Amino acid sequence: MTALASLIPWFGTTLGRLAVIGFIAGAWFGWLYHHDSKVENRVISKIEQRNSANVEKATAARRSVETVPLDQLNDRYRRND
C-alpha cells in the first residue's frame, strides 16, 4: 500500500474531515487576501493618477491668471465689495 493510499481511511475520520475543511478554508482566505491586496493597489494607483492630473490642471489654471491684472479677475463668484 502506498503512502497516499494509507491516508484515504484517515480522511474519513472526523479529524481528517476537519483537516480537509481547514485546508480548503485556508486556501480560500489566502487567495482572498491576495486578491484584495491586488485590487487595493490598483485603486490606490488610479487615485494617485487622478490626483496628479488635478494638480496639473490647477497649476495650469494658476499660471494662466498670473499675468492678468487683479481688476480684470471678475467672475460670477466674486463678491462686490
PDB file of N, CA and C in Angstrom:
ATOM      1  N   MET A   1       0.846  -1.166   0.000  1.00  0.00           N
ATOM      2  CA  MET A   1       0.000   0.000   0.000  1.00  0.00           C
ATOM      3  C   MET A   1       0.900   1.240   0.000  1.00  0.00           C
ATOM      4  N   THR A   2       0.588   2.209  -0.854  1.00  0.00           N
ATOM      5  CA  THR A   2       1.400   3.422  -0.913  1.00  0.00           C
ATOM      6  C   THR A   2       1.028   4.357   0.237  1.00  0.00           C
ATOM      7  N   ALA A   3       1.836   5.365   0.391  1.00  0.00           N
ATOM      8  CA  ALA A   3       1.608   6.312   1.490  1.00  0.00           C
ATOM      9  C   ALA A   3       0.319   7.078   1.294  1.00  0.00           C
ATOM     10  N   LEU A   4       0.021   7.447   0.063  1.00  0.00           N
ATOM     11  CA  LEU A   4      -1.210   8.191  -0.201  1.00  0.00           C
ATOM     12  C   LEU A   4      -2.444   7.318   0.023  1.00  0.00           C
ATOM     13  N   ALA A   5      -2.362   6.060  -0.378  1.00  0.00           N
ATOM     14  CA  ALA A   5      -3.489   5.146  -0.194  1.00  0.00           C
ATOM     15  C   ALA A   5      -3.733   4.874   1.282  1.00  0.00           C
ATOM     16  N   SER A   6      -2.700   4.914   2.093  1.00  0.00           N
ATOM     17  CA  SER A   6      -2.910   4.685   3.522  1.00  0.00           C
ATOM     18  C   SER A   6      -3.548   5.891   4.209  1.00  0.00           C
ATOM     19  N   LEU A   7      -3.524   7.058   3.568  1.00  0.00           N
ATOM     20  CA  LEU A   7      -4.172   8.246   4.143  1.00  0.00           C
ATOM     21  C   LEU A   7      -5.666   8.301   3.858  1.00  0.00           C
ATOM     22  N   ILE A   8      -6.141   7.573   2.873  1.00  0.00           N
ATOM     23  CA  ILE A   8      -7.553   7.641   2.492  1.00  0.00           C
ATOM     24  C   ILE A   8      -8.489   7.286   3.644  1.00  0.00           C
ATOM     25  N   PRO A   9      -8.263   6.248   4.396  1.00  0.00           N
ATOM     26  CA  PRO A   9      -9.174   5.993   5.525  1.00  0.00           C
ATOM     27  C   PRO A   9      -9.115   7.103   6.587  1.00  0.00           C
ATOM     28  N   TRP A  10      -7.966   7.743   6.719  1.00  0.00           N
ATOM     29  CA  TRP A  10      -7.841   8.813   7.721  1.00  0.00           C
ATOM     30  C   TRP A  10      -8.728  10.000   7.373  1.00  0.00           C
ATOM     31  N   PHE A  11      -8.906  10.285   6.069  1.00  0.00           N
ATOM     32  CA  PHE A  11      -9.767  11.395   5.662  1.00  0.00           C
ATOM     33  C   PHE A  11     -11.230  11.130   5.970  1.00  0.00           C
ATOM     34  N   GLY A  12     -11.596   9.907   6.217  1.00  0.00           N
ATOM     35  CA  GLY A  12     -12.968   9.579   6.580  1.00  0.00           C
ATOM     36  C   GLY A  12     -13.270   9.847   8.041  1.00  0.00           C
ATOM     37  N   THR A  13     -12.259  10.047   8.854  1.00  0.00           N
ATOM     38  CA  THR A  13     -12.483  10.320  10.271  1.00  0.00           C
ATOM     39  C   THR A  13     -12.853  11.782  10.459  1.00  0.00           C
ATOM     40  N   THR A  14     -13.349  12.097  11.640  1.00  0.00           N
ATOM     41  CA  THR A  14     -13.736  13.474  11.948  1.00  0.00           C
ATOM     42  C   THR A  14     -12.539  14.410  11.879  1.00  0.00           C
ATOM     43  N   LEU A  15     -11.420  13.972  12.420  1.00  0.00           N
ATOM     44  CA  LEU A  15     -10.221  14.799  12.388  1.00  0.00           C
ATOM     45  C   LEU A  15      -9.728  15.012  10.953  1.00  0.00           C
ATOM     46  N   GLY A  16      -9.821  13.993  10.127  1.00  0.00           N
ATOM     47  CA  GLY A  16      -9.426  14.104   8.732  1.00  0.00           C
ATOM     48  C   GLY A  16     -10.311  15.071   7.968  1.00  0.00           C
ATOM     49  N   ARG A  17     -11.621  14.985   8.228  1.00  0.00           N
ATOM     50  CA  ARG A  17     -12.556  15.908   7.573  1.00  0.00           C
ATOM     51  C   ARG A  17     -12.286  17.348   8.005  1.00  0.00           C
ATOM     52  N   LEU A  18     -12.026  17.543   9.291  1.00  0.00           N
ATOM     53  CA  LEU A  18     -11.715  18.896   9.771  1.00  0.00           C
ATOM     54  C   LEU A  18     -10.428  19.419   9.149  1.00  0.00           C
ATOM     55  N   ALA A  19      -9.454  18.536   8.960  1.00  0.00           N
ATOM     56  CA  ALA A  19      -8.202  18.951   8.326  1.00  0.00           C
ATOM     57  C   ALA A  19      -8.435  19.372   6.884  1.00  0.00           C
ATOM     58  N   VAL A  20      -9.254  18.623   6.160  1.00  0.00           N
ATOM     59  CA  VAL A  20      -9.557  18.976   4.768  1.00  0.00           C
ATOM     60  C   VAL A  20     -10.317  20.297   4.707  1.00  0.00           C
ATOM     61  N   ILE A  21     -11.300  20.465   5.579  1.00  0.00           N
ATOM     62  CA  ILE A  21     -12.065  21.715   5.614  1.00  0.00           C
ATOM     63  C   ILE A  21     -11.151  22.883   5.973  1.00  0.00           C
ATOM     64  N   GLY A  22     -10.260  22.678   6.923  1.00  0.00           N
ATOM     65  CA  GLY A  22      -9.320  23.737   7.302  1.00  0.00           C
ATOM     66  C   GLY A  22      -8.384  24.097   6.167  1.00  0.00           C
ATOM     67  N   PHE A  23      -7.922  23.102   5.424  1.00  0.00           N
ATOM     68  CA  PHE A  23      -7.046  23.375   4.298  1.00  0.00           C
ATOM     69  C   PHE A  23      -7.770  24.169   3.223  1.00  0.00           C
ATOM     70  N   ILE A  24      -9.000  23.756   2.910  1.00  0.00           N
ATOM     71  CA  ILE A  24      -9.774  24.461   1.887  1.00  0.00           C
ATOM     72  C   ILE A  24     -10.074  25.893   2.327  1.00  0.00           C
ATOM     73  N   ALA A  25     -10.454  26.064   3.593  1.00  0.00           N
ATOM     74  CA  ALA A  25     -10.742  27.410   4.096  1.00  0.00           C
ATOM     75  C   ALA A  25      -9.486  28.268   4.100  1.00  0.00           C
ATOM     76  N   GLY A  26      -8.366  27.715   4.491  1.00  0.00           N
ATOM     77  CA  GLY A  26      -7.113  28.468   4.481  1.00  0.00           C
ATOM     78  C   GLY A  26      -6.703  28.879   3.084  1.00  0.00           C
ATOM     79  N   ALA A  27      -6.873  27.969   2.125  1.00  0.00           N
ATOM     80  CA  ALA A  27      -6.546  28.311   0.736  1.00  0.00           C
ATOM     81  C   ALA A  27      -7.471  29.402   0.225  1.00  0.00           C
ATOM     82  N   TRP A  28      -8.750  29.322   0.577  1.00  0.00           N
ATOM     83  CA  TRP A  28      -9.710  30.336   0.136  1.00  0.00           C
ATOM     84  C   TRP A  28      -9.373  31.710   0.725  1.00  0.00           C
ATOM     85  N   PHE A  29      -9.125  31.764   2.028  1.00  0.00           N
ATOM     86  CA  PHE A  29      -8.821  33.051   2.646  1.00  0.00           C
ATOM     87  C   PHE A  29      -7.470  33.591   2.192  1.00  0.00           C
ATOM     88  N   GLY A  30      -6.532  32.716   1.903  1.00  0.00           N
ATOM     89  CA  GLY A  30      -5.255  33.164   1.358  1.00  0.00           C
ATOM     90  C   GLY A  30      -5.420  33.791  -0.009  1.00  0.00           C
ATOM     91  N   TRP A  31      -6.216  33.143  -0.867  1.00  0.00           N
ATOM     92  CA  TRP A  31      -6.482  33.711  -2.181  1.00  0.00           C
ATOM     93  C   TRP A  31      -7.229  35.041  -2.055  1.00  0.00           C
ATOM     94  N   LEU A  32      -8.210  35.094  -1.161  1.00  0.00           N
ATOM     95  CA  LEU A  32      -9.000  36.306  -0.976  1.00  0.00           C
ATOM     96  C   LEU A  32      -8.128  37.459  -0.504  1.00  0.00           C
ATOM     97  N   TYR A  33      -7.218  37.208   0.426  1.00  0.00           N
ATOM     98  CA  TYR A  33      -6.309  38.257   0.911  1.00  0.00           C
ATOM     99  C   TYR A  33      -5.419  38.754  -0.223  1.00  0.00           C
ATOM    100  N   HIS A  34      -4.882  37.831  -1.011  1.00  0.00           N
ATOM    101  CA  HIS A  34      -4.017  38.203  -2.131  1.00  0.00           C
ATOM    102  C   HIS A  34      -4.804  39.013  -3.160  1.00  0.00           C
ATOM    103  N   HIS A  35      -6.024  38.585  -3.466  1.00  0.00           N
ATOM    104  CA  HIS A  35      -6.859  39.277  -4.441  1.00  0.00           C
ATOM    105  C   HIS A  35      -7.216  40.682  -3.951  1.00  0.00           C
ATOM    106  N   ASP A  36      -7.580  40.810  -2.678  1.00  0.00           N
ATOM    107  CA  ASP A  36      -7.931  42.116  -2.127  1.00  0.00           C
ATOM    108  C   ASP A  36      -6.750  43.070  -2.163  1.00  0.00           C
ATOM    109  N   SER A  37      -5.552  42.584  -1.877  1.00  0.00           N
ATOM    110  CA  SER A  37      -4.394  43.472  -1.898  1.00  0.00           C
ATOM    111  C   SER A  37      -4.090  43.921  -3.318  1.00  0.00           C
ATOM    112  N   LYS A  38      -4.316  43.075  -4.327  1.00  0.00           N
ATOM    113  CA  LYS A  38      -4.110  43.480  -5.713  1.00  0.00           C
ATOM    114  C   LYS A  38      -5.113  44.553  -6.101  1.00  0.00           C
ATOM    115  N   VAL A  39      -6.375  44.374  -5.717  1.00  0.00           N
ATOM    116  CA  VAL A  39      -7.415  45.350  -6.032  1.00  0.00           C
ATOM    117  C   VAL A  39      -7.128  46.665  -5.324  1.00  0.00           C
ATOM    118  N   GLU A  40      -6.695  46.577  -4.063  1.00  0.00           N
ATOM    119  CA  GLU A  40      -6.383  47.779  -3.300  1.00  0.00           C
ATOM    120  C   GLU A  40      -5.248  48.564  -3.961  1.00  0.00           C
ATOM    121  N   ASN A  41      -4.211  47.871  -4.409  1.00  0.00           N
ATOM    122  CA  ASN A  41      -3.099  48.555  -5.076  1.00  0.00           C
ATOM    123  C   ASN A  41      -3.551  49.213  -6.376  1.00  0.00           C
ATOM    124  N   ARG A  42      -4.440  48.546  -7.096  1.00  0.00           N
ATOM    125  CA  ARG A  42      -4.942  49.110  -8.350  1.00  0.00           C
ATOM    126  C   ARG A  42      -5.756  50.370  -8.084  1.00  0.00           C
ATOM    127  N   VAL A  43      -6.605  50.349  -7.069  1.00  0.00           N
ATOM    128  CA  VAL A  43      -7.434  51.506  -6.738  1.00  0.00           C
ATOM    129  C   VAL A  43      -6.560  52.671  -6.280  1.00  0.00           C
ATOM    130  N   ILE A  44      -5.563  52.400  -5.466  1.00  0.00           N
ATOM    131  CA  ILE A  44      -4.673  53.455  -4.986  1.00  0.00           C
ATOM    132  C   ILE A  44      -3.920  54.088  -6.146  1.00  0.00           C
ATOM    133  N   SER A  45      -3.461  53.287  -7.096  1.00  0.00           N
ATOM    134  CA  SER A  45      -2.731  53.854  -8.234  1.00  0.00           C
ATOM    135  C   SER A  45      -3.646  54.721  -9.092  1.00  0.00           C
ATOM    136  N   LYS A  46      -4.916  54.327  -9.262  1.00  0.00           N
ATOM    137  CA  LYS A  46      -5.853  55.163 -10.021  1.00  0.00           C
ATOM    138  C   LYS A  46      -6.118  56.485  -9.311  1.00  0.00           C
ATOM    139  N   ILE A  47      -6.249  56.438  -7.994  1.00  0.00           N
ATOM    140  CA  ILE A  47      -6.471  57.663  -7.226  1.00  0.00           C
ATOM    141  C   ILE A  47      -5.270  58.591  -7.367  1.00  0.00           C
ATOM    142  N   GLU A  48      -4.063  58.037  -7.292  1.00  0.00           N
ATOM    143  CA  GLU A  48      -2.863  58.859  -7.434  1.00  0.00           C
ATOM    144  C   GLU A  48      -2.754  59.454  -8.832  1.00  0.00           C
ATOM    145  N   GLN A  49      -3.148  58.719  -9.860  1.00  0.00           N
ATOM    146  CA  GLN A  49      -3.122  59.252 -11.223  1.00  0.00           C
ATOM    147  C   GLN A  49      -4.098  60.409 -11.368  1.00  0.00           C
ATOM    148  N   ARG A  50      -5.303  60.248 -10.846  1.00  0.00           N
ATOM    149  CA  ARG A  50      -6.293  61.323 -10.924  1.00  0.00           C
ATOM    150  C   ARG A  50      -5.846  62.537 -10.124  1.00  0.00           C
ATOM    151  N   ASN A  51      -5.224  62.299  -8.985  1.00  0.00           N
ATOM    152  CA  ASN A  51      -4.734  63.399  -8.162  1.00  0.00           C
ATOM    153  C   ASN A  51      -3.662  64.189  -8.903  1.00  0.00           C
ATOM    154  N   SER A  52      -2.729  63.493  -9.548  1.00  0.00           N
ATOM    155  CA  SER A  52      -1.676  64.208 -10.277  1.00  0.00           C
ATOM    156  C   SER A  52      -2.257  64.964 -11.469  1.00  0.00           C
ATOM    157  N   ALA A  53      -3.291  64.414 -12.116  1.00  0.00           N
ATOM    158  CA  ALA A  53      -3.940  65.133 -13.220  1.00  0.00           C
ATOM    159  C   ALA A  53      -4.612  66.398 -12.699  1.00  0.00           C
ATOM    160  N   ASN A  54      -5.250  66.330 -11.538  1.00  0.00           N
ATOM    161  CA  ASN A  54      -5.885  67.512 -10.956  1.00  0.00           C
ATOM    162  C   ASN A  54      -4.857  68.558 -10.555  1.00  0.00           C
ATOM    163  N   VAL A  55      -3.708  68.112 -10.059  1.00  0.00           N
ATOM    164  CA  VAL A  55      -2.643  69.055  -9.697  1.00  0.00           C
ATOM    165  C   VAL A  55      -2.147  69.775 -10.942  1.00  0.00           C
ATOM    166  N   GLU A  56      -1.999  69.036 -12.042  1.00  0.00           N
ATOM    167  CA  GLU A  56      -1.553  69.664 -13.293  1.00  0.00           C
ATOM    168  C   GLU A  56      -2.576  70.684 -13.794  1.00  0.00           C
ATOM    169  N   LYS A  57      -3.854  70.367 -13.697  1.00  0.00           N
ATOM    170  CA  LYS A  57      -4.898  71.312 -14.107  1.00  0.00           C
ATOM    171  C   LYS A  57      -4.871  72.568 -13.249  1.00  0.00           C
ATOM    172  N   ALA A  58      -4.725  72.388 -11.945  1.00  0.00           N
ATOM    173  CA  ALA A  58      -4.703  73.538 -11.042  1.00  0.00           C
ATOM    174  C   ALA A  58      -3.476  74.406 -11.305  1.00  0.00           C
ATOM    175  N   THR A  59      -2.340  73.790 -11.558  1.00  0.00           N
ATOM    176  CA  THR A  59      -1.130  74.551 -11.853  1.00  0.00           C
ATOM    177  C   THR A  59      -1.287  75.324 -13.157  1.00  0.00           C
ATOM    178  N   ALA A  60      -1.878  74.709 -14.158  1.00  0.00           N
ATOM    179  CA  ALA A  60      -2.097  75.396 -15.433  1.00  0.00           C
ATOM    180  C   ALA A  60      -3.063  76.560 -15.258  1.00  0.00           C
ATOM    181  N   ALA A  61      -4.113  76.380 -14.467  1.00  0.00           N
ATOM    182  CA  ALA A  61      -5.062  77.465 -14.215  1.00  0.00           C
ATOM    183  C   ALA A  61      -4.395  78.607 -13.454  1.00  0.00           C
ATOM    184  N   ARG A  62      -3.540  78.266 -12.491  1.00  0.00           N
ATOM    185  CA  ARG A  62      -2.836  79.289 -11.728  1.00  0.00           C
ATOM    186  C   ARG A  62      -1.898  80.091 -12.636  1.00  0.00           C
ATOM    187  N   ARG A  63      -1.195  79.397 -13.533  1.00  0.00           N
ATOM    188  CA  ARG A  63      -0.278  80.086 -14.450  1.00  0.00           C
ATOM    189  C   ARG A  63      -1.034  80.964 -15.438  1.00  0.00           C
ATOM    190  N   SER A  64      -2.237  80.558 -15.830  1.00  0.00           N
ATOM    191  CA  SER A  64      -2.981  81.320 -16.831  1.00  0.00           C
ATOM    192  C   SER A  64      -3.470  82.662 -16.300  1.00  0.00           C
ATOM    193  N   VAL A  65      -3.625  82.811 -14.998  1.00  0.00           N
ATOM    194  CA  VAL A  65      -4.121  84.079 -14.452  1.00  0.00           C
ATOM    195  C   VAL A  65      -3.015  84.902 -13.796  1.00  0.00           C
ATOM    196  N   GLU A  66      -1.782  84.459 -13.842  1.00  0.00           N
ATOM    197  CA  GLU A  66      -0.704  85.227 -13.204  1.00  0.00           C
ATOM    198  C   GLU A  66      -0.459  86.563 -13.895  1.00  0.00           C
ATOM    199  N   THR A  67      -0.630  86.632 -15.211  1.00  0.00           N
ATOM    200  CA  THR A  67      -0.337  87.860 -15.938  1.00  0.00           C
ATOM    201  C   THR A  67      -1.533  88.792 -16.045  1.00  0.00           C
ATOM    202  N   VAL A  68      -2.709  88.355 -15.665  1.00  0.00           N
ATOM    203  CA  VAL A  68      -3.906  89.181 -15.746  1.00  0.00           C
ATOM    204  C   VAL A  68      -3.932  90.137 -14.556  1.00  0.00           C
ATOM    205  N   PRO A  69      -4.198  91.435 -14.798  1.00  0.00           N
ATOM    206  CA  PRO A  69      -4.297  92.374 -13.672  1.00  0.00           C
ATOM    207  C   PRO A  69      -5.446  92.007 -12.734  1.00  0.00           C
ATOM    208  N   LEU A  70      -5.282  92.368 -11.473  1.00  0.00           N
ATOM    209  CA  LEU A  70      -6.258  91.969 -10.466  1.00  0.00           C
ATOM    210  C   LEU A  70      -7.639  92.560 -10.709  1.00  0.00           C
ATOM    211  N   ASP A  71      -7.735  93.742 -11.293  1.00  0.00           N
ATOM    212  CA  ASP A  71      -9.057  94.330 -11.511  1.00  0.00           C
ATOM    213  C   ASP A  71      -9.806  93.664 -12.663  1.00  0.00           C
ATOM    214  N   GLN A  72      -9.149  92.808 -13.415  1.00  0.00           N
ATOM    215  CA  GLN A  72      -9.824  92.093 -14.501  1.00  0.00           C
ATOM    216  C   GLN A  72     -10.172  90.653 -14.124  1.00  0.00           C
ATOM    217  N   LEU A  73      -9.876  90.257 -12.931  1.00  0.00           N
ATOM    218  CA  LEU A  73     -10.206  88.904 -12.487  1.00  0.00           C
ATOM    219  C   LEU A  73     -11.618  88.881 -11.913  1.00  0.00           C
ATOM    220  N   ASN A  74     -12.602  89.018 -12.757  1.00  0.00           N
ATOM    221  CA  ASN A  74     -14.001  89.012 -12.331  1.00  0.00           C
ATOM    222  C   ASN A  74     -14.679  87.745 -12.826  1.00  0.00           C
ATOM    223  N   ASP A  75     -15.409  87.128 -11.967  1.00  0.00           N
ATOM    224  CA  ASP A  75     -16.246  86.009 -12.375  1.00  0.00           C
ATOM    225  C   ASP A  75     -17.544  86.076 -11.564  1.00  0.00           C
ATOM    226  N   ARG A  76     -18.434  85.161 -11.786  1.00  0.00           N
ATOM    227  CA  ARG A  76     -19.748  85.229 -11.143  1.00  0.00           C
ATOM    228  C   ARG A  76     -19.696  84.924  -9.654  1.00  0.00           C
ATOM    229  N   TYR A  77     -18.595  84.389  -9.147  1.00  0.00           N
ATOM    230  CA  TYR A  77     -18.490  84.074  -7.734  1.00  0.00           C
ATOM    231  C   TYR A  77     -17.808  85.181  -6.935  1.00  0.00           C
ATOM    232  N   ARG A  78     -17.342  86.222  -7.579  1.00  0.00           N
ATOM    233  CA  ARG A  78     -16.637  87.310  -6.876  1.00  0.00           C
ATOM    234  C   ARG A  78     -17.652  88.187  -6.157  1.00  0.00           C
ATOM    235  N   ARG A  79     -17.310  88.548  -4.935  1.00  0.00           N
ATOM    236  CA  ARG A  79     -18.182  89.414  -4.157  1.00  0.00           C
ATOM    237  C   ARG A  79     -17.930  90.867  -4.542  1.00  0.00           C
ATOM    238  N   ASN A  80     -18.990  91.633  -4.594  1.00  0.00           N
ATOM    239  CA  ASN A  80     -18.850  93.060  -4.850  1.00  0.00           C
ATOM    240  C   ASN A  80     -18.693  93.763  -3.522  1.00  0.00           C
ATOM    241  N   ASP A  81     -17.532  94.317  -3.298  1.00  0.00           N
ATOM    242  CA  ASP A  81     -17.278  94.992  -2.018  1.00  0.00           C
ATOM    243  C   ASP A  81     -17.579  96.457  -2.099  1.00  0.00           C
TER     244      ASP A  81
END
